[in-house]
Amino acid sequence: MAVIEINNVVKSYGEIRAVNNASFSVPENTLFGLIGPDGAGKTTLFRMITTLLLPDQGEISVFGLHTKRDYRKIRLFTGYMPGRFSLYPDLTVEENLQFYATIFGTTIQQHYKLIKPVYATLEPYRRRLARNLSGGMKQKLALSCALIHNPRLLVLDEPTTGVDAVSRKEFWDTLQILKDSGMTILVSTPYMDEAVRCETVSLIQEGVIMATDGPGQILKNFSSSLFEIKTENRFGLLRLLRSMREVKSAYLFGQFIHATMTSPKADPDWLQEQIAQQGIPDAEIAAIQANFEDCFIRAIEDNPRKT
């Protein structure tokens, strides 16, 4: 059963089309990721799914309910954690949680078992004002508030942005526990390394859904030869590679250049010889396996912007 169905959804802000004919579905009891950089359309999609915005075109349903007609019902079983911390900074940790529990006609005690994996580390600070919490603690409080009514669907918009590496790992471990309890979780992130923590992902760029599949399958679908190249003259080499017909694409990747080849027969020795002939003799080249960021860049190349 699909918890969320999105069919040909369009949303524009003036002349800017934030979501462009998006379609995908989220199965029940899954951890589903929407992966894309800032400005890709993730937040706009999430606000439409949680009934805070209406699409200009297309249809969205949640558990078979229409987001326009049945928004009151949808909100009862949906937990939403926006990307920007939106709790009350002048209330304590405990007061924020009690406030959200009251809105949904429940109590902290009634659903404490559900929020305990998240809230337990906050209890020593329950009388601290929310504005005085660290980034990771704020995210835990926001998640606790989103869970307080035991939602069937949890929607998290970039929950680990600005959080340290240890807190990020803890957060994703918690999401797996919630998913294992039967909850359906939809989460967005700009961090490509987090995609592999999801069961299924949709890649989004400029409002366009470029691919939807399991992370492992997306990595497997990267069939081109991929080389990692290191040289002192990175920008000169980048221009050279982009001028070669044997190179499908070349882009900076930290201190390296990643180059995908048009021919499966191309090897590092051949490419090194070609580069040396063009005046860059110090290039160090190695064949590598694609990571998720390589796959995302390939998806952008294969999906020119739709209008």
C-alpha atoms as a PDB file:
ATOM      1  CA  MET A   1       0.000   0.000   0.000  1.00  0.00           C
ATOM      2  CA  ALA A   2       1.216   3.494  -0.857  1.00  0.00           C
ATOM      3  CA  VAL A   3       1.006   5.970   2.022  1.00  0.00           C
ATOM      4  CA  ILE A   4       1.718   8.958  -0.232  1.00  0.00           C
ATOM      5  CA  GLU A   5       0.787   9.301  -3.910  1.00  0.00           C
ATOM      6  CA  ILE A   6       2.095  12.305  -5.829  1.00  0.00           C
ATOM      7  CA  ASN A   7       0.898  12.651  -9.421  1.00  0.00           C
ATOM      8  CA  ASN A   8       2.165  15.347 -11.830  1.00  0.00           C
ATOM      9  CA  VAL A   9       2.395  18.004  -9.127  1.00  0.00           C
ATOM     10  CA  VAL A  10       3.379  21.557 -10.058  1.00  0.00           C
ATOM     11  CA  LYS A  11       3.975  24.477  -7.701  1.00  0.00           C
ATOM     12  CA  SER A  12       5.253  27.897  -8.733  1.00  0.00           C
ATOM     13  CA  TYR A  13       6.201  31.084  -6.937  1.00  0.00           C
ATOM     14  CA  GLY A  14       5.724  33.759  -9.554  1.00  0.00           C
ATOM     15  CA  GLU A  15       7.933  32.823 -12.488  1.00  0.00           C
ATOM     16  CA  ILE A  16       9.899  30.276 -10.453  1.00  0.00           C
ATOM     17  CA  ARG A  17       8.633  26.705 -10.784  1.00  0.00           C
ATOM     18  CA  ALA A  18       9.674  25.140  -7.495  1.00  0.00           C
ATOM     19  CA  VAL A  19       8.122  21.726  -8.240  1.00  0.00           C
ATOM     20  CA  ASN A  20       7.894  20.636 -11.848  1.00  0.00           C
ATOM     21  CA  ASN A  21       5.546  17.731 -12.727  1.00  0.00           C
ATOM     22  CA  ALA A  22       6.706  15.632  -9.785  1.00  0.00           C
ATOM     23  CA  SER A  23       5.403  12.081  -9.433  1.00  0.00           C
ATOM     24  CA  PHE A  24       6.365   9.344  -6.981  1.00  0.00           C
ATOM     25  CA  SER A  25       4.816   7.168  -4.289  1.00  0.00           C
ATOM     26  CA  VAL A  26       5.914   6.265  -0.770  1.00  0.00           C
ATOM     27  CA  PRO A  27       5.123   2.700   0.371  1.00  0.00           C
ATOM     28  CA  GLU A  28       3.813   1.981   3.841  1.00  0.00           C
ATOM     29  CA  ASN A  29       6.327   1.291   6.634  1.00  0.00           C
ATOM     30  CA  THR A  30       9.372   2.476   4.749  1.00  0.00           C
ATOM     31  CA  LEU A  31      12.154   5.017   5.235  1.00  0.00           C
ATOM     32  CA  PHE A  32      11.930   7.112   2.068  1.00  0.00           C
ATOM     33  CA  GLY A  33      14.430   9.853   1.210  1.00  0.00           C
ATOM     34  CA  LEU A  34      14.042  12.930  -0.965  1.00  0.00           C
ATOM     35  CA  ILE A  35      17.605  13.812  -1.952  1.00  0.00           C
ATOM     36  CA  GLY A  36      18.650  17.120  -3.448  1.00  0.00           C
ATOM     37  CA  PRO A  37      20.583  20.363  -2.831  1.00  0.00           C
ATOM     38  CA  ASP A  38      19.189  23.558  -1.332  1.00  0.00           C
ATOM     39  CA  GLY A  39      16.572  25.088  -3.635  1.00  0.00           C
ATOM     40  CA  ALA A  40      15.728  21.774  -5.311  1.00  0.00           C
ATOM     41  CA  GLY A  41      12.063  21.877  -4.228  1.00  0.00           C
ATOM     42  CA  LYS A  42      12.155  19.523  -1.242  1.00  0.00           C
ATOM     43  CA  THR A  43      10.568  21.892   1.278  1.00  0.00           C
ATOM     44  CA  THR A  44       7.808  22.943  -1.115  1.00  0.00           C
ATOM     45  CA  LEU A  45       6.924  19.305  -1.742  1.00  0.00           C
ATOM     46  CA  PHE A  46       6.883  18.544   1.980  1.00  0.00           C
ATOM     47  CA  ARG A  47       4.643  21.522   2.722  1.00  0.00           C
ATOM     48  CA  MET A  48       2.160  20.275   0.121  1.00  0.00           C
ATOM     49  CA  ILE A  49       2.260  16.721   1.492  1.00  0.00           C
ATOM     50  CA  THR A  50       1.569  18.028   5.014  1.00  0.00           C
ATOM     51  CA  THR A  51      -1.332  20.209   3.698  1.00  0.00           C
ATOM     52  CA  LEU A  52       0.379  23.534   4.421  1.00  0.00           C
ATOM     53  CA  LEU A  53       0.425  24.418   0.695  1.00  0.00           C
ATOM     54  CA  LEU A  54      -1.825  23.500  -2.212  1.00  0.00           C
ATOM     55  CA  PRO A  55      -0.368  22.433  -5.580  1.00  0.00           C
ATOM     56  CA  ASP A  56      -1.071  24.561  -8.640  1.00  0.00           C
ATOM     57  CA  GLN A  57      -1.569  21.384 -10.668  1.00  0.00           C
ATOM     58  CA  GLY A  58      -1.651  17.668  -9.954  1.00  0.00           C
ATOM     59  CA  GLU A  59      -2.905  15.578  -7.052  1.00  0.00           C
ATOM     60  CA  ILE A  60      -1.485  14.466  -3.695  1.00  0.00           C
ATOM     61  CA  SER A  61      -3.081  11.855  -1.445  1.00  0.00           C
ATOM     62  CA  VAL A  62      -1.981  10.622   1.994  1.00  0.00           C
ATOM     63  CA  PHE A  63      -3.368   7.255   3.103  1.00  0.00           C
ATOM     64  CA  GLY A  64      -5.940   7.639   0.335  1.00  0.00           C
ATOM     65  CA  LEU A  65      -7.105  11.062   1.579  1.00  0.00           C
ATOM     66  CA  HIS A  66      -6.933  14.131  -0.665  1.00  0.00           C
ATOM     67  CA  THR A  67      -4.688  16.875   0.742  1.00  0.00           C
ATOM     68  CA  LYS A  68      -7.130  19.618  -0.258  1.00  0.00           C
ATOM     69  CA  ARG A  69     -10.430  18.077   0.877  1.00  0.00           C
ATOM     70  CA  ASP A  70      -9.230  15.995   3.825  1.00  0.00           C
ATOM     71  CA  TYR A  71      -6.489  18.152   5.307  1.00  0.00           C
ATOM     72  CA  ARG A  72      -7.952  18.052   8.843  1.00  0.00           C
ATOM     73  CA  LYS A  73      -7.903  14.252   8.921  1.00  0.00           C
ATOM     74  CA  ILE A  74      -4.402  14.058   7.424  1.00  0.00           C
ATOM     75  CA  ARG A  75      -2.973  16.371  10.082  1.00  0.00           C
ATOM     76  CA  LEU A  76      -4.226  14.095  12.862  1.00  0.00           C
ATOM     77  CA  PHE A  77      -1.938  11.220  11.883  1.00  0.00           C
ATOM     78  CA  THR A  78       0.980  13.165  10.380  1.00  0.00           C
ATOM     79  CA  GLY A  79       4.022  14.382  12.302  1.00  0.00           C
ATOM     80  CA  TYR A  80       5.945  17.197  10.613  1.00  0.00           C
ATOM     81  CA  MET A  81       9.356  18.537  11.512  1.00  0.00           C
ATOM     82  CA  PRO A  82      10.231  21.586   9.366  1.00  0.00           C
ATOM     83  CA  GLY A  83      13.781  22.314   8.319  1.00  0.00           C
ATOM     84  CA  ARG A  84      13.930  25.495  10.357  1.00  0.00           C
ATOM     85  CA  PHE A  85      13.665  25.172  14.147  1.00  0.00           C
ATOM     86  CA  SER A  86      10.134  26.419  14.817  1.00  0.00           C
ATOM     87  CA  LEU A  87       9.449  25.608  18.462  1.00  0.00           C
ATOM     88  CA  TYR A  88       8.977  28.296  21.097  1.00  0.00           C
ATOM     89  CA  PRO A  89      12.418  29.568  22.192  1.00  0.00           C
ATOM     90  CA  ASP A  90      11.064  31.142  25.403  1.00  0.00           C
ATOM     91  CA  LEU A  91       9.482  27.882  26.604  1.00  0.00           C
ATOM     92  CA  THR A  92      11.448  25.128  28.270  1.00  0.00           C
ATOM     93  CA  VAL A  93      12.007  21.719  26.734  1.00  0.00           C
ATOM     94  CA  GLU A  94       9.212  20.223  28.822  1.00  0.00           C
ATOM     95  CA  GLU A  95       6.799  23.131  28.173  1.00  0.00           C
ATOM     96  CA  ASN A  96       7.256  22.819  24.396  1.00  0.00           C
ATOM     97  CA  LEU A  97       6.525  19.113  24.521  1.00  0.00           C
ATOM     98  CA  GLN A  98       3.489  19.601  26.777  1.00  0.00           C
ATOM     99  CA  PHE A  99       2.155  22.287  24.436  1.00  0.00           C
ATOM    100  CA  TYR A 100       2.278  19.991  21.400  1.00  0.00           C
ATOM    101  CA  ALA A 101       0.777  17.123  23.381  1.00  0.00           C
ATOM    102  CA  THR A 102      -2.145  19.358  24.371  1.00  0.00           C
ATOM    103  CA  ILE A 103      -2.772  20.386  20.757  1.00  0.00           C
ATOM    104  CA  PHE A 104      -3.284  16.736  19.809  1.00  0.00           C
ATOM    105  CA  GLY A 105      -5.301  15.903  22.928  1.00  0.00           C
ATOM    106  CA  THR A 106      -2.694  13.634  24.474  1.00  0.00           C
ATOM    107  CA  THR A 107      -0.046  13.719  27.201  1.00  0.00           C
ATOM    108  CA  ILE A 108       3.675  13.128  27.442  1.00  0.00           C
ATOM    109  CA  GLN A 109       3.014  10.109  29.660  1.00  0.00           C
ATOM    110  CA  GLN A 110       0.629   8.493  27.184  1.00  0.00           C
ATOM    111  CA  HIS A 111       3.233   8.254  24.420  1.00  0.00           C
ATOM    112  CA  TYR A 112       6.437   8.402  26.446  1.00  0.00           C
ATOM    113  CA  LYS A 113       7.477   4.937  25.311  1.00  0.00           C
ATOM    114  CA  LEU A 114       7.429   6.133  21.679  1.00  0.00           C
ATOM    115  CA  ILE A 115       9.460   9.292  22.254  1.00  0.00           C
ATOM    116  CA  LYS A 116      11.822   7.785  24.843  1.00  0.00           C
ATOM    117  CA  PRO A 117      14.623   6.884  22.331  1.00  0.00           C
ATOM    118  CA  VAL A 118      14.747  10.585  21.406  1.00  0.00           C
ATOM    119  CA  TYR A 119      13.629  12.361  24.558  1.00  0.00           C
ATOM    120  CA  ALA A 120      15.639  10.392  27.129  1.00  0.00           C
ATOM    121  CA  THR A 121      18.788  12.441  26.482  1.00  0.00           C
ATOM    122  CA  LEU A 122      16.750  15.670  26.827  1.00  0.00           C
ATOM    123  CA  GLU A 123      15.233  14.890  30.222  1.00  0.00           C
ATOM    124  CA  PRO A 124      18.195  16.256  32.233  1.00  0.00           C
ATOM    125  CA  TYR A 125      17.597  19.560  30.395  1.00  0.00           C
ATOM    126  CA  ARG A 126      13.795  19.580  30.531  1.00  0.00           C
ATOM    127  CA  ARG A 127      13.756  22.955  32.369  1.00  0.00           C
ATOM    128  CA  ARG A 128      16.208  24.598  29.970  1.00  0.00           C
ATOM    129  CA  LEU A 129      14.823  27.163  27.523  1.00  0.00           C
ATOM    130  CA  ALA A 130      14.672  25.843  23.975  1.00  0.00           C
ATOM    131  CA  ARG A 131      16.754  28.743  22.675  1.00  0.00           C
ATOM    132  CA  ASN A 132      19.666  27.642  24.883  1.00  0.00           C
ATOM    133  CA  LEU A 133      19.880  24.131  23.449  1.00  0.00           C
ATOM    134  CA  SER A 134      22.631  22.988  21.090  1.00  0.00           C
ATOM    135  CA  GLY A 135      21.783  22.252  17.447  1.00  0.00           C
ATOM    136  CA  GLY A 136      21.557  18.516  18.045  1.00  0.00           C
ATOM    137  CA  MET A 137      19.380  18.962  21.155  1.00  0.00           C
ATOM    138  CA  LYS A 138      17.020  21.296  19.275  1.00  0.00           C
ATOM    139  CA  GLN A 139      16.566  18.644  16.589  1.00  0.00           C
ATOM    140  CA  LYS A 140      15.781  16.006  19.217  1.00  0.00           C
ATOM    141  CA  LEU A 141      13.209  18.271  20.831  1.00  0.00           C
ATOM    142  CA  ALA A 142      11.606  19.038  17.467  1.00  0.00           C
ATOM    143  CA  LEU A 143      11.435  15.319  16.665  1.00  0.00           C
ATOM    144  CA  SER A 144       9.924  14.558  20.084  1.00  0.00           C
ATOM    145  CA  CYS A 145       7.204  17.162  19.445  1.00  0.00           C
ATOM    146  CA  ALA A 146       6.514  15.697  15.992  1.00  0.00           C
ATOM    147  CA  LEU A 147       6.125  12.229  17.557  1.00  0.00           C
ATOM    148  CA  ILE A 148       4.074  13.130  20.621  1.00  0.00           C
ATOM    149  CA  HIS A 149       0.715  12.126  19.048  1.00  0.00           C
ATOM    150  CA  ASN A 150       2.036   8.798  17.694  1.00  0.00           C
ATOM    151  CA  PRO A 151       1.699   9.668  13.978  1.00  0.00           C
ATOM    152  CA  ARG A 152       1.393   7.016  11.269  1.00  0.00           C
ATOM    153  CA  LEU A 153       3.425   9.232   8.917  1.00  0.00           C
ATOM    154  CA  LEU A 154       6.512  11.218   9.958  1.00  0.00           C
ATOM    155  CA  VAL A 155       7.736  13.948   7.581  1.00  0.00           C
ATOM    156  CA  LEU A 156      11.180  15.408   8.319  1.00  0.00           C
ATOM    157  CA  ASP A 157      12.595  18.277   6.275  1.00  0.00           C
ATOM    158  CA  GLU A 158      16.416  18.244   6.368  1.00  0.00           C
ATOM    159  CA  PRO A 159      16.509  17.160  10.038  1.00  0.00           C
ATOM    160  CA  THR A 160      20.314  16.912  10.274  1.00  0.00           C
ATOM    161  CA  THR A 161      21.328  20.194   8.644  1.00  0.00           C
ATOM    162  CA  GLY A 162      23.780  22.014  10.885  1.00  0.00           C
ATOM    163  CA  VAL A 163      24.123  19.054  13.251  1.00  0.00           C
ATOM    164  CA  ASP A 164      27.473  17.494  14.149  1.00  0.00           C
ATOM    165  CA  ALA A 165      28.489  14.120  12.724  1.00  0.00           C
ATOM    166  CA  VAL A 166      27.832  12.149  15.928  1.00  0.00           C
ATOM    167  CA  SER A 167      24.341  13.622  16.327  1.00  0.00           C
ATOM    168  CA  ARG A 168      23.600  12.935  12.672  1.00  0.00           C
ATOM    169  CA  LYS A 169      24.398   9.254  13.130  1.00  0.00           C
ATOM    170  CA  GLU A 170      22.320   9.052  16.314  1.00  0.00           C
ATOM    171  CA  PHE A 171      19.420  10.737  14.541  1.00  0.00           C
ATOM    172  CA  TRP A 172      19.426   8.247  11.663  1.00  0.00           C
ATOM    173  CA  ASP A 173      19.725   5.339  14.091  1.00  0.00           C
ATOM    174  CA  THR A 174      16.602   6.660  15.824  1.00  0.00           C
ATOM    175  CA  LEU A 175      14.739   6.905  12.519  1.00  0.00           C
ATOM    176  CA  GLN A 176      15.513   3.246  11.854  1.00  0.00           C
ATOM    177  CA  ILE A 177      14.057   2.313  15.262  1.00  0.00           C
ATOM    178  CA  LEU A 178      10.883   4.273  14.481  1.00  0.00           C
ATOM    179  CA  LYS A 179      10.598   2.670  11.065  1.00  0.00           C
ATOM    180  CA  ASP A 180      11.018  -0.788  12.596  1.00  0.00           C
ATOM    181  CA  SER A 181       8.110   0.016  14.932  1.00  0.00           C
ATOM    182  CA  GLY A 182       5.810   0.331  11.899  1.00  0.00           C
ATOM    183  CA  MET A 183       5.997   4.049  11.127  1.00  0.00           C
ATOM    184  CA  THR A 184       6.309   5.426   7.591  1.00  0.00           C
ATOM    185  CA  ILE A 185       9.034   8.078   7.387  1.00  0.00           C
ATOM    186  CA  LEU A 186       9.638  10.609   4.623  1.00  0.00           C
ATOM    187  CA  VAL A 187      12.865  12.532   5.072  1.00  0.00           C
ATOM    188  CA  SER A 188      14.745  15.043   2.944  1.00  0.00           C
ATOM    189  CA  THR A 189      18.458  15.764   3.002  1.00  0.00           C
ATOM    190  CA  PRO A 190      21.082  17.616   0.966  1.00  0.00           C
ATOM    191  CA  TYR A 191      23.755  15.195   2.234  1.00  0.00           C
ATOM    192  CA  MET A 192      24.392  12.515  -0.372  1.00  0.00           C
ATOM    193  CA  ASP A 193      26.016  10.181   2.157  1.00  0.00           C
ATOM    194  CA  GLU A 194      22.702   9.984   4.043  1.00  0.00           C
ATOM    195  CA  ALA A 195      20.881   8.577   1.008  1.00  0.00           C
ATOM    196  CA  VAL A 196      22.178   5.074   1.725  1.00  0.00           C
ATOM    197  CA  ARG A 197      20.357   5.099   5.081  1.00  0.00           C
ATOM    198  CA  CYS A 198      17.020   5.089   3.211  1.00  0.00           C
ATOM    199  CA  GLU A 199      15.269   2.110   1.637  1.00  0.00           C
ATOM    200  CA  THR A 200      14.089   4.113  -1.366  1.00  0.00           C
ATOM    201  CA  VAL A 201      15.100   7.568  -2.583  1.00  0.00           C
ATOM    202  CA  SER A 202      13.928  10.125  -5.108  1.00  0.00           C
ATOM    203  CA  LEU A 203      16.564  12.432  -6.569  1.00  0.00           C
ATOM    204  CA  ILE A 204      15.278  15.981  -7.106  1.00  0.00           C
ATOM    205  CA  GLN A 205      16.866  18.978  -8.806  1.00  0.00           C
ATOM    206  CA  GLU A 206      15.172  22.255  -9.814  1.00  0.00           C
ATOM    207  CA  GLY A 207      11.803  20.751  -8.937  1.00  0.00           C
ATOM    208  CA  VAL A 208      12.229  17.733 -11.208  1.00  0.00           C
ATOM    209  CA  ILE A 209      12.213  14.161  -9.885  1.00  0.00           C
ATOM    210  CA  MET A 210      15.121  12.651 -11.818  1.00  0.00           C
ATOM    211  CA  ALA A 211      15.068   9.073 -10.486  1.00  0.00           C
ATOM    212  CA  THR A 212      13.342   6.949  -7.842  1.00  0.00           C
ATOM    213  CA  ASP A 213      14.869   3.657  -6.722  1.00  0.00           C
ATOM    214  CA  GLY A 214      16.743   1.908  -3.943  1.00  0.00           C
ATOM    215  CA  PRO A 215      20.148   3.507  -3.172  1.00  0.00           C
ATOM    216  CA  GLY A 216      21.947   0.276  -4.049  1.00  0.00           C
ATOM    217  CA  GLN A 217      20.244   0.071  -7.424  1.00  0.00           C
ATOM    218  CA  ILE A 218      21.038   3.711  -8.204  1.00  0.00           C
ATOM    219  CA  LEU A 219      24.712   3.010  -7.492  1.00  0.00           C
ATOM    220  CA  LYS A 220      24.544  -0.166  -9.570  1.00  0.00           C
ATOM    221  CA  ASN A 221      23.046   1.718 -12.516  1.00  0.00           C
ATOM    222  CA  PHE A 222      26.210   3.839 -12.822  1.00  0.00           C
ATOM    223  CA  SER A 223      27.792   1.785 -15.599  1.00  0.00           C
ATOM    224  CA  SER A 224      30.398   4.194 -17.013  1.00  0.00           C
ATOM    225  CA  SER A 225      34.093   3.956 -16.221  1.00  0.00           C
ATOM    226  CA  LEU A 226      34.912   6.520 -13.538  1.00  0.00           C
ATOM    227  CA  PHE A 227      38.395   7.873 -12.846  1.00  0.00           C
ATOM    228  CA  GLU A 228      39.669   9.928  -9.918  1.00  0.00           C
ATOM    229  CA  ILE A 229      42.450  12.311 -10.923  1.00  0.00           C
ATOM    230  CA  LYS A 230      44.808  14.392  -8.802  1.00  0.00           C
ATOM    231  CA  THR A 231      47.039  17.134 -10.177  1.00  0.00           C
ATOM    232  CA  GLU A 232      48.408  20.539  -9.198  1.00  0.00           C
ATOM    233  CA  ASN A 233      46.800  22.069 -12.295  1.00  0.00           C
ATOM    234  CA  ARG A 234      43.196  21.072 -11.520  1.00  0.00           C
ATOM    235  CA  PHE A 235      41.449  23.824 -13.457  1.00  0.00           C
ATOM    236  CA  GLY A 236      43.653  23.429 -16.505  1.00  0.00           C
ATOM    237  CA  LEU A 237      43.043  19.686 -16.477  1.00  0.00           C
ATOM    238  CA  LEU A 238      39.298  20.218 -16.003  1.00  0.00           C
ATOM    239  CA  ARG A 239      39.168  22.345 -19.168  1.00  0.00           C
ATOM    240  CA  LEU A 240      41.197  19.749 -21.045  1.00  0.00           C
ATOM    241  CA  LEU A 241      39.026  16.816 -19.975  1.00  0.00           C
ATOM    242  CA  ARG A 242      35.838  18.630 -20.933  1.00  0.00           C
ATOM    243  CA  SER A 243      37.228  19.175 -24.418  1.00  0.00           C
ATOM    244  CA  MET A 244      37.939  15.458 -24.993  1.00  0.00           C
ATOM    245  CA  ARG A 245      35.292  13.427 -26.835  1.00  0.00           C
ATOM    246  CA  GLU A 246      36.288  10.309 -24.867  1.00  0.00           C
ATOM    247  CA  VAL A 247      35.230  12.048 -21.622  1.00  0.00           C
ATOM    248  CA  LYS A 248      31.495  12.132 -20.927  1.00  0.00           C
ATOM    249  CA  SER A 249      31.795  14.505 -17.969  1.00  0.00           C
ATOM    250  CA  ALA A 250      34.395  15.948 -15.611  1.00  0.00           C
ATOM    251  CA  TYR A 251      33.827  17.815 -12.371  1.00  0.00           C
ATOM    252  CA  LEU A 252      35.715  18.886  -9.262  1.00  0.00           C
ATOM    253  CA  PHE A 253      35.401  16.581  -6.263  1.00  0.00           C
ATOM    254  CA  GLY A 254      37.325  18.058  -3.325  1.00  0.00           C
ATOM    255  CA  GLN A 255      41.026  18.001  -4.213  1.00  0.00           C
ATOM    256  CA  PHE A 256      40.335  15.564  -7.062  1.00  0.00           C
ATOM    257  CA  ILE A 257      38.626  15.571 -10.430  1.00  0.00           C
ATOM    258  CA  HIS A 258      36.112  12.838 -11.237  1.00  0.00           C
ATOM    259  CA  ALA A 259      35.885  11.970 -14.929  1.00  0.00           C
ATOM    260  CA  THR A 260      33.398   9.574 -16.511  1.00  0.00           C
ATOM    261  CA  MET A 261      34.350   8.073 -19.847  1.00  0.00           C
ATOM    262  CA  THR A 262      32.275   7.473 -22.956  1.00  0.00           C
ATOM    263  CA  SER A 263      34.143   4.267 -23.776  1.00  0.00           C
ATOM    264  CA  PRO A 264      34.313   1.262 -21.405  1.00  0.00           C
ATOM    265  CA  LYS A 265      37.699   0.432 -22.967  1.00  0.00           C
ATOM    266  CA  ALA A 266      39.339   3.591 -21.599  1.00  0.00           C
ATOM    267  CA  ASP A 267      41.799   2.888 -18.779  1.00  0.00           C
ATOM    268  CA  PRO A 268      43.911   5.082 -16.465  1.00  0.00           C
ATOM    269  CA  ASP A 269      47.142   4.444 -18.387  1.00  0.00           C
ATOM    270  CA  TRP A 270      45.573   5.532 -21.687  1.00  0.00           C
ATOM    271  CA  LEU A 271      44.085   8.679 -20.140  1.00  0.00           C
ATOM    272  CA  GLN A 272      47.341   9.540 -18.383  1.00  0.00           C
ATOM    273  CA  GLU A 273      49.194   9.340 -21.676  1.00  0.00           C
ATOM    274  CA  GLN A 274      46.660  11.604 -23.389  1.00  0.00           C
ATOM    275  CA  ILE A 275      46.883  14.178 -20.593  1.00  0.00           C
ATOM    276  CA  ALA A 276      50.695  14.131 -20.550  1.00  0.00           C
ATOM    277  CA  GLN A 277      50.751  14.821 -24.291  1.00  0.00           C
ATOM    278  CA  GLN A 278      48.749  17.987 -23.581  1.00  0.00           C
ATOM    279  CA  GLY A 279      51.300  19.299 -21.068  1.00  0.00           C
ATOM    280  CA  ILE A 280      50.036  17.929 -17.730  1.00  0.00           C
ATOM    281  CA  PRO A 281      52.510  15.160 -16.846  1.00  0.00           C
ATOM    282  CA  ASP A 282      51.907  14.962 -13.075  1.00  0.00           C
ATOM    283  CA  ALA A 283      48.334  13.620 -13.120  1.00  0.00           C
ATOM    284  CA  GLU A 284      47.691  10.665 -10.800  1.00  0.00           C
ATOM    285  CA  ILE A 285      44.752   8.586 -12.091  1.00  0.00           C
ATOM    286  CA  ALA A 286      42.866   5.709 -10.501  1.00  0.00           C
ATOM    287  CA  ALA A 287      39.715   3.836 -11.482  1.00  0.00           C
ATOM    288  CA  ILE A 288      37.081   4.086  -8.711  1.00  0.00           C
ATOM    289  CA  GLN A 289      33.529   3.020  -7.910  1.00  0.00           C
ATOM    290  CA  ALA A 290      30.883   5.726  -8.127  1.00  0.00           C
ATOM    291  CA  ASN A 291      29.525   7.165  -4.887  1.00  0.00           C
ATOM    292  CA  PHE A 292      26.060   8.660  -4.485  1.00  0.00           C
ATOM    293  CA  GLU A 293      27.188  12.166  -5.403  1.00  0.00           C
ATOM    294  CA  ASP A 294      28.566  10.836  -8.698  1.00  0.00           C
ATOM    295  CA  CYS A 295      25.186   9.215  -9.346  1.00  0.00           C
ATOM    296  CA  PHE A 296      23.379  12.465  -8.575  1.00  0.00           C
ATOM    297  CA  ILE A 297      25.553  14.400 -11.021  1.00  0.00           C
ATOM    298  CA  ARG A 298      24.920  11.718 -13.657  1.00  0.00           C
ATOM    299  CA  ALA A 299      21.155  12.050 -13.060  1.00  0.00           C
ATOM    300  CA  ILE A 300      21.398  15.811 -13.645  1.00  0.00           C
ATOM    301  CA  GLU A 301      23.252  15.215 -16.919  1.00  0.00           C
ATOM    302  CA  ASP A 302      20.641  12.694 -18.038  1.00  0.00           C
ATOM    303  CA  ASN A 303      17.687  14.894 -17.069  1.00  0.00           C
ATOM    304  CA  PRO A 304      17.897  18.341 -18.676  1.00  0.00           C
ATOM    305  CA  ARG A 305      15.573  20.839 -17.040  1.00  0.00           C
ATOM    306  CA  LYS A 306      11.925  20.456 -18.055  1.00  0.00           C
ATOM    307  CA  THR A 307       9.764  23.504 -18.707  1.00  0.00           C
END
